[in-house]
Every structure is written in structure tokens, then in C-alpha cells.
Amino acid sequence: MKKSIELESKITFIEQLMDEMNQVIYSQQKELDFLKKNLKDLQAQIKESNDSQGNSFPVHEKPPHY
């Protein structure tokens, strides 16, 4: 009987831990989605800015004078 109670206690602890971990994963996924959207928006703004200024050098390449 004691062994059964110990197992039930451990199972309860593990279930609570899994719920907490799932909440953390969910929060991190929401933040990751937010950051991806912001990155995509910033990349679009940079491209638009470069295109409107006639900048022929991609942002990730060094200018020829380097």
C-alpha cells in the first residue's frame, strides 16, 4: 500500500511538472513567433529602404572599399 501511495505521489508530481513545462514551451513559442514576425518586418523595412535609396549593395556584404 505504501508503494502505491508513493507511485501516485510521483505521478502527480510528474503531471504537474509536465503542465508547467508545457506552459513554458507555449510561452516560448509565442515569443519566438513574435520575434520571427518582427525580424521579417525589419528585413522588409531594410529592403524597402535600400530599394528606395538606390543602394545596390546587399546589407550583408561589405562595400568595395573594405
C-alpha atoms as a PDB file:
ATOM      1  CA  MET A   1       0.000   0.000   0.000  1.00  0.00           C
ATOM      2  CA  LYS A   2       2.830   2.400   0.844  1.00  0.00           C
ATOM      3  CA  LYS A   3       4.436   1.730  -2.536  1.00  0.00           C
ATOM      4  CA  SER A   4       1.166   2.562  -4.277  1.00  0.00           C
ATOM      5  CA  ILE A   5       0.887   5.910  -2.477  1.00  0.00           C
ATOM      6  CA  GLU A   6       4.486   6.763  -3.361  1.00  0.00           C
ATOM      7  CA  LEU A   7       3.826   5.986  -7.017  1.00  0.00           C
ATOM      8  CA  GLU A   8       0.666   8.086  -7.051  1.00  0.00           C
ATOM      9  CA  SER A   9       2.563  10.954  -5.463  1.00  0.00           C
ATOM     10  CA  LYS A  10       5.325  10.711  -8.040  1.00  0.00           C
ATOM     11  CA  ILE A  11       2.823  10.556 -10.884  1.00  0.00           C
ATOM     12  CA  THR A  12       1.057  13.653  -9.548  1.00  0.00           C
ATOM     13  CA  PHE A  13       4.369  15.490  -9.284  1.00  0.00           C
ATOM     14  CA  ILE A  14       5.344  14.493 -12.824  1.00  0.00           C
ATOM     15  CA  GLU A  15       1.958  15.592 -14.201  1.00  0.00           C
ATOM     16  CA  GLN A  16       2.293  18.995 -12.509  1.00  0.00           C
ATOM     17  CA  LEU A  17       5.831  19.343 -13.809  1.00  0.00           C
ATOM     18  CA  MET A  18       4.707  18.471 -17.334  1.00  0.00           C
ATOM     19  CA  ASP A  19       1.941  21.085 -17.132  1.00  0.00           C
ATOM     20  CA  GLU A  20       4.459  23.714 -16.047  1.00  0.00           C
ATOM     21  CA  MET A  21       6.869  22.727 -18.805  1.00  0.00           C
ATOM     22  CA  ASN A  22       4.087  22.850 -21.381  1.00  0.00           C
ATOM     23  CA  GLN A  23       3.237  26.385 -20.255  1.00  0.00           C
ATOM     24  CA  VAL A  24       6.879  27.425 -20.612  1.00  0.00           C
ATOM     25  CA  ILE A  25       7.084  25.870 -24.073  1.00  0.00           C
ATOM     26  CA  TYR A  26       3.855  27.598 -25.100  1.00  0.00           C
ATOM     27  CA  SER A  27       5.137  30.973 -23.860  1.00  0.00           C
ATOM     28  CA  GLN A  28       8.459  30.494 -25.622  1.00  0.00           C
ATOM     29  CA  GLN A  29       6.712  29.556 -28.866  1.00  0.00           C
ATOM     30  CA  LYS A  30       4.560  32.698 -28.683  1.00  0.00           C
ATOM     31  CA  GLU A  31       7.673  34.799 -28.102  1.00  0.00           C
ATOM     32  CA  LEU A  32       9.512  33.046 -30.938  1.00  0.00           C
ATOM     33  CA  ASP A  33       6.599  33.682 -33.307  1.00  0.00           C
ATOM     34  CA  PHE A  34       6.567  37.350 -32.250  1.00  0.00           C
ATOM     35  CA  LEU A  35      10.320  37.698 -32.790  1.00  0.00           C
ATOM     36  CA  LYS A  36      10.160  35.968 -36.182  1.00  0.00           C
ATOM     37  CA  LYS A  37       7.435  38.363 -37.300  1.00  0.00           C
ATOM     38  CA  ASN A  38       9.448  41.349 -36.086  1.00  0.00           C
ATOM     39  CA  LEU A  39      12.554  40.091 -37.880  1.00  0.00           C
ATOM     40  CA  LYS A  40      10.600  39.600 -41.091  1.00  0.00           C
ATOM     41  CA  ASP A  41       9.128  43.105 -40.781  1.00  0.00           C
ATOM     42  CA  LEU A  42      12.559  44.639 -40.128  1.00  0.00           C
ATOM     43  CA  GLN A  43      14.070  42.800 -43.091  1.00  0.00           C
ATOM     44  CA  ALA A  44      11.273  44.127 -45.284  1.00  0.00           C
ATOM     45  CA  GLN A  45      11.838  47.665 -43.987  1.00  0.00           C
ATOM     46  CA  ILE A  46      15.579  47.428 -44.660  1.00  0.00           C
ATOM     47  CA  LYS A  47      14.974  46.088 -48.165  1.00  0.00           C
ATOM     48  CA  GLU A  48      12.423  48.804 -48.841  1.00  0.00           C
ATOM     49  CA  SER A  49      14.790  51.463 -47.502  1.00  0.00           C
ATOM     50  CA  ASN A  50      17.678  50.146 -49.597  1.00  0.00           C
ATOM     51  CA  ASP A  51      15.499  49.939 -52.686  1.00  0.00           C
ATOM     52  CA  SER A  52      14.182  53.469 -52.257  1.00  0.00           C
ATOM     53  CA  GLN A  53      17.703  54.846 -51.743  1.00  0.00           C
ATOM     54  CA  GLY A  54      19.062  53.023 -54.755  1.00  0.00           C
ATOM     55  CA  ASN A  55      21.537  51.121 -52.589  1.00  0.00           C
ATOM     56  CA  SER A  56      22.977  48.429 -54.825  1.00  0.00           C
ATOM     57  CA  PHE A  57      24.918  46.665 -52.048  1.00  0.00           C
ATOM     58  CA  PRO A  58      23.125  43.963 -50.096  1.00  0.00           C
ATOM     59  CA  VAL A  59      23.119  44.610 -46.344  1.00  0.00           C
ATOM     60  CA  HIS A  60      25.199  41.508 -45.555  1.00  0.00           C
ATOM     61  CA  GLU A  61      28.028  42.353 -47.977  1.00  0.00           C
ATOM     62  CA  LYS A  62      30.843  44.775 -47.251  1.00  0.00           C
ATOM     63  CA  PRO A  63      31.195  47.776 -49.555  1.00  0.00           C
ATOM     64  CA  PRO A  64      34.053  47.578 -52.106  1.00  0.00           C
ATOM     65  CA  HIS A  65      36.352  49.924 -50.157  1.00  0.00           C
ATOM     66  CA  TYR A  66      36.926  47.306 -47.404  1.00  0.00           C
END
